[in-house]
């Protein structure tokens, strides 16, 4: 009962916080309603009539009568009307009208809660150093990723259902593009892209074969390498399709934020924020980063590594976290740039000839604000995905948050040639001891408990840190690569194709 007592207490307390406190003190509402974001209110009918120089009338001459019912045509005004939109700070009551606000609030607040649980659990494991205890923060991180995938699927399905505008064709095209890209990346040797995926899969296959043999089952492996990579490529294609529209939207907000901002420091941070996924991608390109740092060329002199492999892995994790923090800090600049699309649309309308109905004008302005949380989700979801895949990479991959001196480095992970045999063999010879000590009613339960312990120990050797390190490194790199690819395409589209 006391195996995960401390972590269980932390989980129960955080569950109470989510239920009792977060509905009143929400970080998601603070992001939107802290006073910095201003949205544009749509003009009323009376304001538009006044600007158009018309008096309010009961019935128009253009009213027509069908089957005894009056069909009033909507009032139209000139497009070049001198319209100035009023701005207002976002209040909590305004968020009730926003589409996808409950999903945005739940994702952000649950992510904050899961991150706090992760930090407390990491501190507990660092201070207490429990042995053989399950890290319950992994479950929280997996739940966050499940919620992110669910929300991205919902947003993509919304775009996919639209029959006009080309969103469905764009989504399918990028899905096939990312599938081909993933298959090409998976055949690249690890001399160029250093994920550890080959080593992890080899260790997984050998451990699984030995585990099944010790259970009396003959097998050549649970899955072939080709099938494994094909399944991984399909997963990558799905992730790429989900990140298509967030990347395209990020590119448009980046361009608008640059035109909105005048400070050099802020513009520099915006550029770094846009290039952050590229920086993450380059962290796993071995000739550009690890080889240069581990074996720098210093002329004819002997090369001296600048740091150890463990230190490089730790700094890579910290680099991703810092870039995620920068992206969160730049969120309001991007959301304000999106909200300014209402004013931009009105200014573009003034340059056109003809007339527009008041209803269409009001919808054009109001639609920008009502879809604010959709844009916020497209901005936050990739950030949350990158953050928690990195946290899982650290925990399940056996990395460390600390930079040790060279002589105090922890032992690196090696491929265990006989992982399952050691556990089963130890349990087979040594398990007789614990079983023999059982007396009375516990004597019948002892063998079952011992067999379950052996099975769980064998599964731990099958799903080793080497496998998780390779798999999560690749998925973290892939999320960053997809986000940069789609945002780069969006930058090219909005800056060159739309301008043409």
Protein backbone atom coordinates (compact mmCIF):
# COMPACT_ATOMS: atom_id res chain seq x y z
CA UNK A 1 0.00 0.00 0.00
CA UNK A 2 2.93 2.35 0.58
CA UNK A 3 4.66 1.78 -2.75
CA UNK A 4 3.51 5.05 -4.32
CA UNK A 5 2.12 6.73 -1.21
CA UNK A 6 3.85 10.11 -1.69
CA UNK A 7 3.03 10.27 -5.38
CA UNK A 8 -0.53 9.15 -4.70
CA UNK A 9 -0.98 11.96 -2.21
CA UNK A 10 0.35 14.47 -4.75
CA UNK A 11 -2.03 13.11 -7.38
CA UNK A 12 -5.05 13.30 -5.06
CA UNK A 13 -4.18 16.85 -4.00
CA UNK A 14 -3.77 17.95 -7.62
CA UNK A 15 -7.07 16.31 -8.56
CA UNK A 16 -8.74 18.35 -5.80
CA UNK A 17 -7.05 21.50 -7.07
CA UNK A 18 -8.33 20.82 -10.59
CA UNK A 19 -11.85 20.31 -9.29
CA UNK A 20 -12.08 23.08 -6.66
CA UNK A 21 -9.53 25.83 -7.38
CA UNK A 22 -8.82 25.93 -11.11
CA UNK A 23 -12.45 26.79 -12.08
CA UNK A 24 -11.99 30.02 -10.06
CA UNK A 25 -8.29 30.72 -10.75
CA UNK A 26 -7.66 29.53 -14.27
CA UNK A 27 -4.33 30.09 -16.01
CA UNK A 28 -6.10 29.80 -19.37
CA UNK A 29 -8.47 32.66 -18.51
CA UNK A 30 -5.53 34.71 -17.26
CA UNK A 31 -3.78 34.28 -20.61
CA UNK A 32 -6.78 35.77 -22.41
CA UNK A 33 -8.21 38.20 -19.84
CA UNK A 34 -5.15 39.77 -18.21
CA UNK A 35 -5.78 43.10 -19.95
CA UNK A 36 -3.20 43.01 -22.76
CA UNK A 37 -5.38 41.54 -25.51
CA UNK A 38 -7.86 43.87 -27.19
CA UNK A 39 -10.56 42.76 -29.59
CA UNK A 40 -12.56 44.73 -32.13
CA UNK A 41 -16.30 45.08 -31.62
CA UNK A 42 -18.57 44.85 -34.61
CA UNK A 43 -20.62 48.00 -35.37
CA UNK A 44 -24.34 48.03 -34.68
CA UNK A 45 -27.01 48.63 -37.32
CA UNK A 46 -27.68 52.13 -36.02
CA UNK A 47 -24.00 53.06 -36.27
CA UNK A 48 -23.80 51.76 -39.81
CA UNK A 49 -26.99 53.62 -40.81
CA UNK A 50 -25.62 56.79 -39.31
CA UNK A 51 -22.33 56.44 -41.15
CA UNK A 52 -24.14 55.66 -44.39
CA UNK A 53 -26.25 58.79 -44.02
CA UNK A 54 -29.53 56.88 -43.77
CA UNK A 55 -32.35 57.26 -41.30
CA UNK A 56 -33.88 54.26 -39.68
CA UNK A 57 -37.09 53.35 -41.53
CA UNK A 58 -39.80 50.92 -40.71
CA UNK A 59 -40.01 49.35 -44.18
CA UNK A 60 -37.88 49.67 -47.26
CA UNK A 61 -39.21 50.19 -50.77
CA UNK A 62 -37.43 47.02 -51.76
CA UNK A 63 -39.56 44.94 -49.42
CA UNK A 64 -41.28 42.20 -51.29
CA UNK A 65 -44.20 40.04 -50.32
CA UNK A 66 -44.35 36.30 -50.86
CA UNK A 67 -47.38 34.23 -49.76
CA UNK A 68 -48.39 36.88 -47.29
CA UNK A 69 -44.94 37.13 -45.64
CA UNK A 70 -42.74 40.17 -45.79
CA UNK A 71 -39.20 39.45 -47.04
CA UNK A 72 -36.99 42.31 -45.94
CA UNK A 73 -33.72 42.56 -47.78
CA UNK A 74 -30.75 43.32 -45.52
CA UNK A 75 -29.53 46.88 -45.40
CA UNK A 76 -26.49 47.49 -47.59
CA UNK A 77 -23.87 50.21 -47.18
CA UNK A 78 -20.97 51.38 -49.38
CA UNK A 79 -17.74 49.46 -48.82
CA UNK A 80 -15.70 52.67 -48.69
CA UNK A 81 -17.57 53.86 -45.63
CA UNK A 82 -15.55 55.73 -43.00
CA UNK A 83 -15.77 53.01 -40.35
CA UNK A 84 -13.56 52.99 -37.26
CA UNK A 85 -13.86 49.88 -35.09
CA UNK A 86 -13.95 50.23 -31.33
CA UNK A 87 -11.64 48.07 -29.22
CA UNK A 88 -12.26 46.46 -25.86
CA UNK A 89 -10.14 44.42 -23.46
CA UNK A 90 -11.18 40.79 -23.20
CA UNK A 91 -13.21 40.20 -20.02
CA UNK A 92 -14.17 36.89 -18.49
CA UNK A 93 -17.77 37.33 -19.59
CA UNK A 94 -16.58 37.71 -23.19
CA UNK A 95 -14.99 34.26 -23.13
CA UNK A 96 -18.42 32.62 -22.83
CA UNK A 97 -19.07 33.38 -26.50
CA UNK A 98 -15.77 31.99 -27.75
CA UNK A 99 -15.80 28.77 -29.72
CA UNK A 100 -13.68 25.97 -28.19
CA UNK A 101 -13.08 27.95 -24.99
CA UNK A 102 -13.89 24.95 -22.70
CA UNK A 103 -11.38 22.82 -24.64
CA UNK A 104 -8.76 25.56 -24.45
CA UNK A 105 -9.29 26.09 -20.73
CA UNK A 106 -9.17 22.37 -19.97
CA UNK A 107 -6.02 21.75 -22.03
CA UNK A 108 -4.08 24.66 -20.56
CA UNK A 109 -5.14 24.13 -16.95
CA UNK A 110 -4.64 20.38 -17.05
CA UNK A 111 -1.22 20.88 -18.64
CA UNK A 112 -0.26 23.24 -15.81
CA UNK A 113 -1.47 20.72 -13.23
CA UNK A 114 0.38 17.85 -14.92
CA UNK A 115 3.57 19.91 -15.12
CA UNK A 116 3.37 20.77 -11.41
CA UNK A 117 2.88 17.08 -10.59
CA UNK A 118 5.89 16.25 -12.76
CA UNK A 119 8.08 18.83 -11.01
CA UNK A 120 7.08 17.62 -7.54
CA UNK A 121 7.63 13.99 -8.55
CA UNK A 122 11.06 14.80 -9.99
CA UNK A 123 11.99 16.55 -6.75
CA UNK A 124 10.77 13.55 -4.77
CA UNK A 125 12.82 11.11 -6.86
CA UNK A 126 15.85 13.38 -6.57
CA UNK A 127 15.66 13.70 -2.76
CA UNK A 128 14.29 10.32 -1.66
CA UNK A 129 15.80 8.21 -4.49
CA UNK A 130 13.22 5.41 -4.24
CA UNK A 131 14.15 2.13 -5.88
CA UNK A 132 11.73 0.17 -8.04
CA UNK A 133 8.95 2.72 -7.61
CA UNK A 134 6.68 3.63 -10.48
CA UNK A 135 6.89 7.26 -11.62
CA UNK A 136 3.26 8.34 -11.69
CA UNK A 137 4.07 11.60 -13.51
CA UNK A 138 4.42 9.49 -16.67
CA UNK A 139 0.68 8.82 -16.52
CA UNK A 140 -0.03 12.55 -16.25
CA UNK A 141 2.17 13.30 -19.26
CA UNK A 142 0.47 10.57 -21.29
CA UNK A 143 -2.94 12.00 -20.39
CA UNK A 144 -1.82 15.45 -21.56
CA UNK A 145 -0.66 14.02 -24.88
CA UNK A 146 -3.95 12.15 -25.25
CA UNK A 147 -5.91 15.38 -24.73
CA UNK A 148 -3.69 17.20 -27.24
CA UNK A 149 -4.24 14.54 -29.89
CA UNK A 150 -7.99 14.59 -29.24
CA UNK A 151 -8.19 18.38 -29.62
CA UNK A 152 -6.01 18.43 -32.74
CA UNK A 153 -8.17 15.67 -34.22
CA UNK A 154 -11.31 17.69 -33.47
CA UNK A 155 -9.87 20.83 -35.11
CA UNK A 156 -8.63 18.90 -38.15
CA UNK A 157 -11.99 17.17 -38.52
CA UNK A 158 -13.65 20.60 -38.50
CA UNK A 159 -11.44 21.71 -41.40
CA UNK A 160 -11.88 18.38 -43.13
CA UNK A 161 -15.67 18.70 -43.18
CA UNK A 162 -15.53 21.97 -45.10
CA UNK A 163 -16.27 21.26 -48.73
CA UNK A 164 -15.22 24.69 -49.97
CA UNK A 165 -11.88 26.40 -49.59
CA UNK A 166 -9.56 23.44 -50.24
CA UNK A 167 -8.91 22.59 -46.57
CA UNK A 168 -9.72 18.90 -47.11
CA UNK A 169 -7.37 18.60 -50.10
CA UNK A 170 -4.63 20.44 -48.23
CA UNK A 171 -4.96 18.13 -45.23
CA UNK A 172 -4.80 14.98 -47.38
CA UNK A 173 -1.85 16.32 -49.38
CA UNK A 174 0.19 17.10 -46.28
CA UNK A 175 -0.68 13.72 -44.77
CA UNK A 176 0.78 11.92 -47.81
CA UNK A 177 3.74 14.31 -47.85
CA UNK A 178 4.60 13.61 -44.23
CA UNK A 179 4.17 9.86 -44.72
CA UNK A 180 6.75 9.89 -47.54
CA UNK A 181 8.98 12.19 -45.50
CA UNK A 182 8.79 9.89 -42.47
CA UNK A 183 9.69 6.82 -44.55
CA UNK A 184 12.68 8.71 -45.97
CA UNK A 185 13.83 9.84 -42.53
CA UNK A 186 13.52 6.35 -41.06
CA UNK A 187 15.96 4.91 -43.60
CA UNK A 188 18.60 7.57 -42.89
CA UNK A 189 21.54 6.14 -41.01
CA UNK A 190 22.13 7.25 -37.45
CA UNK A 191 25.43 8.74 -38.50
CA UNK A 192 23.36 11.74 -39.58
CA UNK A 193 20.23 11.66 -37.40
CA UNK A 194 21.09 10.42 -33.94
CA UNK A 195 17.87 9.17 -32.35
CA UNK A 196 19.00 5.78 -31.03
CA UNK A 197 15.96 4.21 -32.70
CA UNK A 198 17.91 1.33 -34.27
CA UNK A 199 19.64 0.49 -30.99
CA UNK A 200 16.41 0.71 -29.05
CA UNK A 201 14.51 -1.53 -31.47
CA UNK A 202 17.34 -4.09 -31.51
CA UNK A 203 17.32 -4.23 -27.72
CA UNK A 204 13.52 -4.50 -27.70
CA UNK A 205 13.52 -7.40 -30.18
CA UNK A 206 16.27 -9.36 -28.39
CA UNK A 207 14.68 -8.83 -24.97
CA UNK A 208 11.23 -9.82 -26.25
CA UNK A 209 12.55 -13.01 -27.86
CA UNK A 210 14.34 -14.06 -24.69
CA UNK A 211 11.34 -13.19 -22.54
CA UNK A 212 9.01 -15.30 -24.71
CA UNK A 213 11.48 -18.20 -24.72
CA UNK A 214 11.65 -18.15 -20.94
CA UNK A 215 7.86 -18.29 -20.88
CA UNK A 216 7.98 -21.43 -23.04
CA UNK A 217 7.03 -19.72 -26.31
CA UNK A 218 9.06 -19.89 -29.48
CA UNK A 219 9.19 -16.63 -31.41
CA UNK A 220 11.45 -14.78 -33.82
CA UNK A 221 10.37 -11.44 -32.41
CA UNK A 222 7.14 -9.59 -31.70
CA UNK A 223 7.38 -7.41 -34.80
CA UNK A 224 9.69 -6.99 -37.77
CA UNK A 225 11.70 -3.84 -38.31
CA UNK A 226 9.83 -3.03 -41.53
CA UNK A 227 6.44 -3.31 -39.83
CA UNK A 228 7.68 -1.23 -36.91
CA UNK A 229 8.85 1.55 -39.20
CA UNK A 230 5.68 1.37 -41.28
CA UNK A 231 3.51 1.82 -38.17
CA UNK A 232 5.76 4.66 -37.04
CA UNK A 233 5.47 6.31 -40.45
CA UNK A 234 1.67 6.11 -40.31
CA UNK A 235 1.72 7.71 -36.87
CA UNK A 236 4.03 10.43 -38.19
CA UNK A 237 1.67 11.05 -41.11
CA UNK A 238 -1.22 11.48 -38.69
CA UNK A 239 0.76 13.90 -36.53
CA UNK A 240 1.82 15.85 -39.61
CA UNK A 241 -1.78 16.17 -40.79
CA UNK A 242 -2.83 17.41 -37.34
CA UNK A 243 -0.04 20.04 -37.31
CA UNK A 244 -0.72 21.34 -40.83
CA UNK A 245 -3.16 24.10 -39.97
CA UNK A 246 -1.38 25.14 -36.73
CA UNK A 247 1.80 25.65 -38.75
CA UNK A 248 0.03 27.63 -41.47
CA UNK A 249 -1.70 29.80 -38.87
CA UNK A 250 1.58 30.39 -37.02
CA UNK A 251 3.19 31.73 -40.19
CA UNK A 252 0.41 34.25 -40.74
CA UNK A 253 0.49 35.40 -37.11
CA UNK A 254 4.28 35.70 -37.26
CA UNK A 255 4.12 38.05 -40.24
CA UNK A 256 1.36 40.12 -38.67
CA UNK A 257 3.17 40.27 -35.32
CA UNK A 258 6.32 41.57 -37.01
CA UNK A 259 4.39 44.41 -38.64
CA UNK A 260 2.62 45.17 -35.35
CA UNK A 261 5.80 45.29 -33.25
CA UNK A 262 8.33 48.10 -33.49
CA UNK A 263 10.84 47.12 -30.78
CA UNK A 264 14.01 45.46 -32.04
CA UNK A 265 14.25 43.13 -29.04
CA UNK A 266 10.68 41.89 -29.49
CA UNK A 267 11.18 41.39 -33.21
CA UNK A 268 14.34 39.38 -32.51
CA UNK A 269 12.46 37.20 -30.04
CA UNK A 270 9.70 36.71 -32.61
CA UNK A 271 12.25 35.52 -35.17
CA UNK A 272 13.83 33.15 -32.64
CA UNK A 273 10.38 31.87 -31.72
CA UNK A 274 9.60 31.15 -35.37
CA UNK A 275 12.93 29.37 -35.86
CA UNK A 276 12.65 27.43 -32.57
CA UNK A 277 11.41 24.21 -34.26
CA UNK A 278 14.35 24.38 -36.67
CA UNK A 279 16.77 24.74 -33.74
CA UNK A 280 15.17 21.67 -32.13
CA UNK A 281 15.55 19.74 -35.39
CA UNK A 282 19.23 20.61 -35.67
CA UNK A 283 19.90 19.35 -32.14
CA UNK A 284 19.58 15.78 -33.46
CA UNK A 285 21.58 16.30 -36.67
CA UNK A 286 24.78 14.57 -35.60
CA UNK A 287 27.34 16.17 -37.97
CA UNK A 288 26.18 19.69 -37.07
CA UNK A 289 25.87 19.36 -33.31
CA UNK A 290 27.04 16.27 -31.48
CA UNK A 291 30.01 15.38 -33.70
CA UNK A 292 31.24 18.96 -33.68
CA UNK A 293 30.89 19.26 -29.90
CA UNK A 294 32.17 15.80 -29.02
CA UNK A 295 35.04 15.78 -31.53
CA UNK A 296 35.89 19.35 -32.52
CA UNK A 297 38.57 19.85 -35.16
CA UNK A 298 41.38 21.99 -33.75
CA UNK A 299 43.86 21.85 -36.58
CA UNK A 300 46.65 19.34 -36.17
CA UNK A 301 46.29 19.21 -32.42
CA UNK A 302 44.45 16.40 -30.74
CA UNK A 303 40.71 17.08 -30.51
CA UNK A 304 39.38 17.61 -27.00
CA UNK A 305 35.64 16.99 -26.47
CA UNK A 306 33.87 20.05 -25.13
CA UNK A 307 31.47 17.93 -23.05
CA UNK A 308 30.40 14.36 -22.45
CA UNK A 309 27.48 12.65 -24.17
CA UNK A 310 25.36 12.77 -21.00
CA UNK A 311 25.98 16.51 -20.66
CA UNK A 312 25.03 17.05 -24.30
CA UNK A 313 21.78 15.11 -23.83
CA UNK A 314 20.97 17.18 -20.75
CA UNK A 315 21.66 20.49 -22.52
CA UNK A 316 19.51 19.34 -25.42
CA UNK A 317 16.58 18.80 -23.07
CA UNK A 318 17.09 22.20 -21.46
CA UNK A 319 17.30 23.87 -24.87
CA UNK A 320 13.90 22.48 -25.84
CA UNK A 321 12.37 23.62 -22.55
CA UNK A 322 13.76 27.15 -22.96
CA UNK A 323 12.43 27.39 -26.51
CA UNK A 324 9.02 26.19 -25.28
CA UNK A 325 9.10 28.89 -22.58
CA UNK A 326 9.93 31.50 -25.24
CA UNK A 327 6.99 30.34 -27.35
CA UNK A 328 4.65 30.70 -24.38
CA UNK A 329 6.00 34.19 -23.67
CA UNK A 330 5.35 35.24 -27.29
CA UNK A 331 1.80 33.89 -27.30
CA UNK A 332 0.04 37.20 -26.64
CA UNK A 333 1.90 38.97 -29.44
CA UNK A 334 0.62 36.35 -31.87
CA UNK A 335 -2.94 36.39 -30.53
CA UNK A 336 -3.07 40.18 -30.74
CA UNK A 337 -1.79 39.98 -34.30
CA UNK A 338 -4.66 37.61 -35.05
CA UNK A 339 -7.24 39.90 -33.42
CA UNK A 340 -6.01 42.76 -35.59
CA UNK A 341 -7.24 40.82 -38.64
CA UNK A 342 -10.65 42.40 -38.04
CA UNK A 343 -9.26 45.90 -38.57
CA UNK A 344 -7.15 44.65 -41.46
CA UNK A 345 -10.23 43.18 -43.16
CA UNK A 346 -12.15 46.46 -42.78
CA UNK A 347 -9.25 48.46 -44.21
CA UNK A 348 -9.09 46.07 -47.15
CA UNK A 349 -12.85 46.42 -47.66
CA UNK A 350 -12.57 50.20 -47.86
CA UNK A 351 -10.33 49.86 -50.92
CA UNK A 352 -12.98 47.91 -52.80
CA UNK A 353 -15.93 49.28 -54.79
CA UNK A 354 -19.55 48.30 -54.35
CA UNK A 355 -21.78 47.68 -51.39
CA UNK A 356 -21.91 45.17 -48.55
CA UNK A 357 -24.75 44.14 -46.30
CA UNK A 358 -24.56 45.13 -42.66
CA UNK A 359 -24.98 41.50 -41.62
CA UNK A 360 -21.98 40.39 -43.68
CA UNK A 361 -19.90 43.25 -42.32
CA UNK A 362 -20.79 42.43 -38.74
CA UNK A 363 -20.03 38.74 -39.28
CA UNK A 364 -16.68 39.59 -40.86
CA UNK A 365 -15.64 41.56 -37.78
CA UNK A 366 -17.20 39.34 -35.12
CA UNK A 367 -15.90 36.07 -36.59
CA UNK A 368 -12.31 37.03 -35.76
CA UNK A 369 -12.98 37.30 -32.04
CA UNK A 370 -15.31 34.30 -31.80
CA UNK A 371 -12.62 31.97 -33.20
CA UNK A 372 -9.86 33.29 -30.92
CA UNK A 373 -9.70 30.08 -28.86
CA UNK A 374 -9.39 27.97 -32.01
CA UNK A 375 -6.28 29.98 -32.89
CA UNK A 376 -5.05 29.77 -29.29
CA UNK A 377 -5.43 25.99 -29.38
CA UNK A 378 -3.52 25.80 -32.66
CA UNK A 379 -0.75 27.79 -31.00
CA UNK A 380 -0.71 25.93 -27.68
CA UNK A 381 -1.26 22.33 -28.78
CA UNK A 382 2.13 21.85 -30.55
CA UNK A 383 3.83 23.61 -27.63
CA UNK A 384 2.22 21.27 -25.10
CA UNK A 385 3.06 18.26 -27.28
CA UNK A 386 6.73 19.26 -27.50
CA UNK A 387 6.94 19.98 -23.79
CA UNK A 388 5.51 16.70 -22.56
CA UNK A 389 7.25 14.47 -25.09
CA UNK A 390 10.46 16.06 -23.81
CA UNK A 391 9.49 15.35 -20.20
CA UNK A 392 8.69 11.74 -21.13
CA UNK A 393 12.01 11.51 -22.96
CA UNK A 394 13.84 12.55 -19.82
CA UNK A 395 11.96 10.19 -17.50
CA UNK A 396 11.52 7.08 -19.64
CA UNK A 397 14.78 7.56 -21.53
CA UNK A 398 16.92 7.62 -18.42
CA UNK A 399 18.31 11.14 -18.89
CA UNK A 400 19.19 13.60 -16.16
CA UNK A 401 18.41 17.27 -15.55
CA UNK A 402 21.83 17.91 -14.02
CA UNK A 403 25.23 18.45 -15.61
CA UNK A 404 27.76 16.30 -13.80
CA UNK A 405 31.53 16.65 -13.81
CA UNK A 406 33.29 14.13 -16.03
CA UNK A 407 34.36 11.93 -13.14
CA UNK A 408 30.85 11.88 -11.61
CA UNK A 409 28.95 10.97 -14.77
CA UNK A 410 26.28 8.28 -14.31
CA UNK A 411 26.83 5.04 -16.14
CA UNK A 412 25.53 5.19 -19.73
CA UNK A 413 22.88 2.81 -20.94
CA UNK A 414 24.12 -0.25 -22.78
CA UNK A 415 22.28 -2.90 -24.72
CA UNK A 416 21.59 -5.78 -22.35
CA UNK A 417 22.43 -8.99 -24.17
CA UNK A 418 20.40 -11.23 -21.83
CA UNK A 419 17.92 -9.01 -20.05
CA UNK A 420 15.03 -11.41 -19.66
CA UNK A 421 17.19 -14.37 -18.78
CA UNK A 422 18.72 -12.52 -15.83
CA UNK A 423 15.36 -11.64 -14.36
CA UNK A 424 13.76 -14.99 -14.92
CA UNK A 425 16.82 -16.88 -13.90
CA UNK A 426 17.11 -14.87 -10.72
CA UNK A 427 13.46 -15.37 -10.02
CA UNK A 428 13.66 -19.03 -10.86
CA UNK A 429 16.52 -19.80 -8.47
CA UNK A 430 15.96 -17.04 -6.00
CA UNK A 431 12.21 -17.04 -6.09
CA UNK A 432 12.17 -20.35 -4.29
CA UNK A 433 13.46 -18.54 -1.22
CA UNK A 434 10.55 -16.10 -0.86
CA UNK A 435 8.04 -18.78 -1.80
CA UNK A 436 9.48 -21.21 0.72
CA UNK A 437 9.13 -18.67 3.53
CA UNK A 438 5.36 -18.35 2.95
CA UNK A 439 3.35 -20.21 5.55
CA UNK A 440 -0.30 -20.78 6.25
CA UNK A 441 -2.78 -19.09 3.97
CA UNK A 442 -0.01 -17.16 2.18
CA UNK A 443 1.66 -20.33 0.93
CA UNK A 444 -0.76 -20.67 -1.96
CA UNK A 445 -0.51 -17.02 -2.91
CA UNK A 446 3.29 -16.94 -2.92
CA UNK A 447 3.90 -18.74 -6.24
CA UNK A 448 1.35 -16.57 -8.05
CA UNK A 449 2.92 -13.38 -6.69
CA UNK A 450 6.36 -14.63 -7.63
CA UNK A 451 5.26 -15.47 -11.17
CA UNK A 452 3.63 -12.05 -11.54
CA UNK A 453 6.79 -10.35 -10.30
CA UNK A 454 8.84 -12.35 -12.78
CA UNK A 455 6.52 -11.39 -15.64
CA UNK A 456 6.56 -7.69 -14.71
CA UNK A 457 10.33 -7.76 -14.33
CA UNK A 458 10.65 -9.35 -17.76
CA UNK A 459 8.38 -6.71 -19.31
CA UNK A 460 10.53 -3.98 -17.79
CA UNK A 461 13.54 -5.43 -19.56
CA UNK A 462 11.60 -5.65 -22.83
CA UNK A 463 10.43 -2.02 -22.68
CA UNK A 464 13.80 -0.66 -21.67
CA UNK A 465 14.99 2.97 -21.46
CA UNK A 466 16.89 2.39 -24.71
CA UNK A 467 13.63 1.78 -26.56
CA UNK A 468 11.89 4.79 -25.02
CA UNK A 469 14.92 6.98 -25.61
CA UNK A 470 14.99 6.20 -29.31
CA UNK A 471 11.22 6.36 -29.80
CA UNK A 472 10.62 9.58 -27.85
CA UNK A 473 13.67 11.28 -29.35
CA UNK A 474 12.31 10.59 -32.80
CA UNK A 475 8.77 11.74 -31.91
CA UNK A 476 10.04 14.96 -30.31
CA UNK A 477 12.17 15.65 -33.37
CA UNK A 478 9.27 14.81 -35.68
CA UNK A 479 6.83 17.20 -34.00
CA UNK A 480 9.37 20.02 -34.33
CA UNK A 481 10.10 19.07 -37.96
CA UNK A 482 6.40 19.00 -38.90
CA UNK A 483 5.72 22.32 -37.23
CA UNK A 484 8.65 24.00 -38.97
CA UNK A 485 7.79 22.48 -42.36
CA UNK A 486 4.18 23.66 -42.26
CA UNK A 487 5.05 27.10 -40.88
CA UNK A 488 7.73 27.54 -43.54
CA UNK A 489 5.22 26.63 -46.24
CA UNK A 490 2.75 29.04 -44.66
CA UNK A 491 5.35 31.80 -44.64
CA UNK A 492 6.02 31.26 -48.34
CA UNK A 493 2.29 31.15 -49.11
CA UNK A 494 1.29 34.28 -47.21
CA UNK A 495 4.30 36.38 -48.17
CA UNK A 496 4.71 35.47 -51.84
CA UNK A 497 1.71 33.61 -53.24
CA UNK A 498 -0.92 35.79 -51.55
CA UNK A 499 1.01 38.95 -52.46
CA UNK A 500 1.09 37.88 -56.10
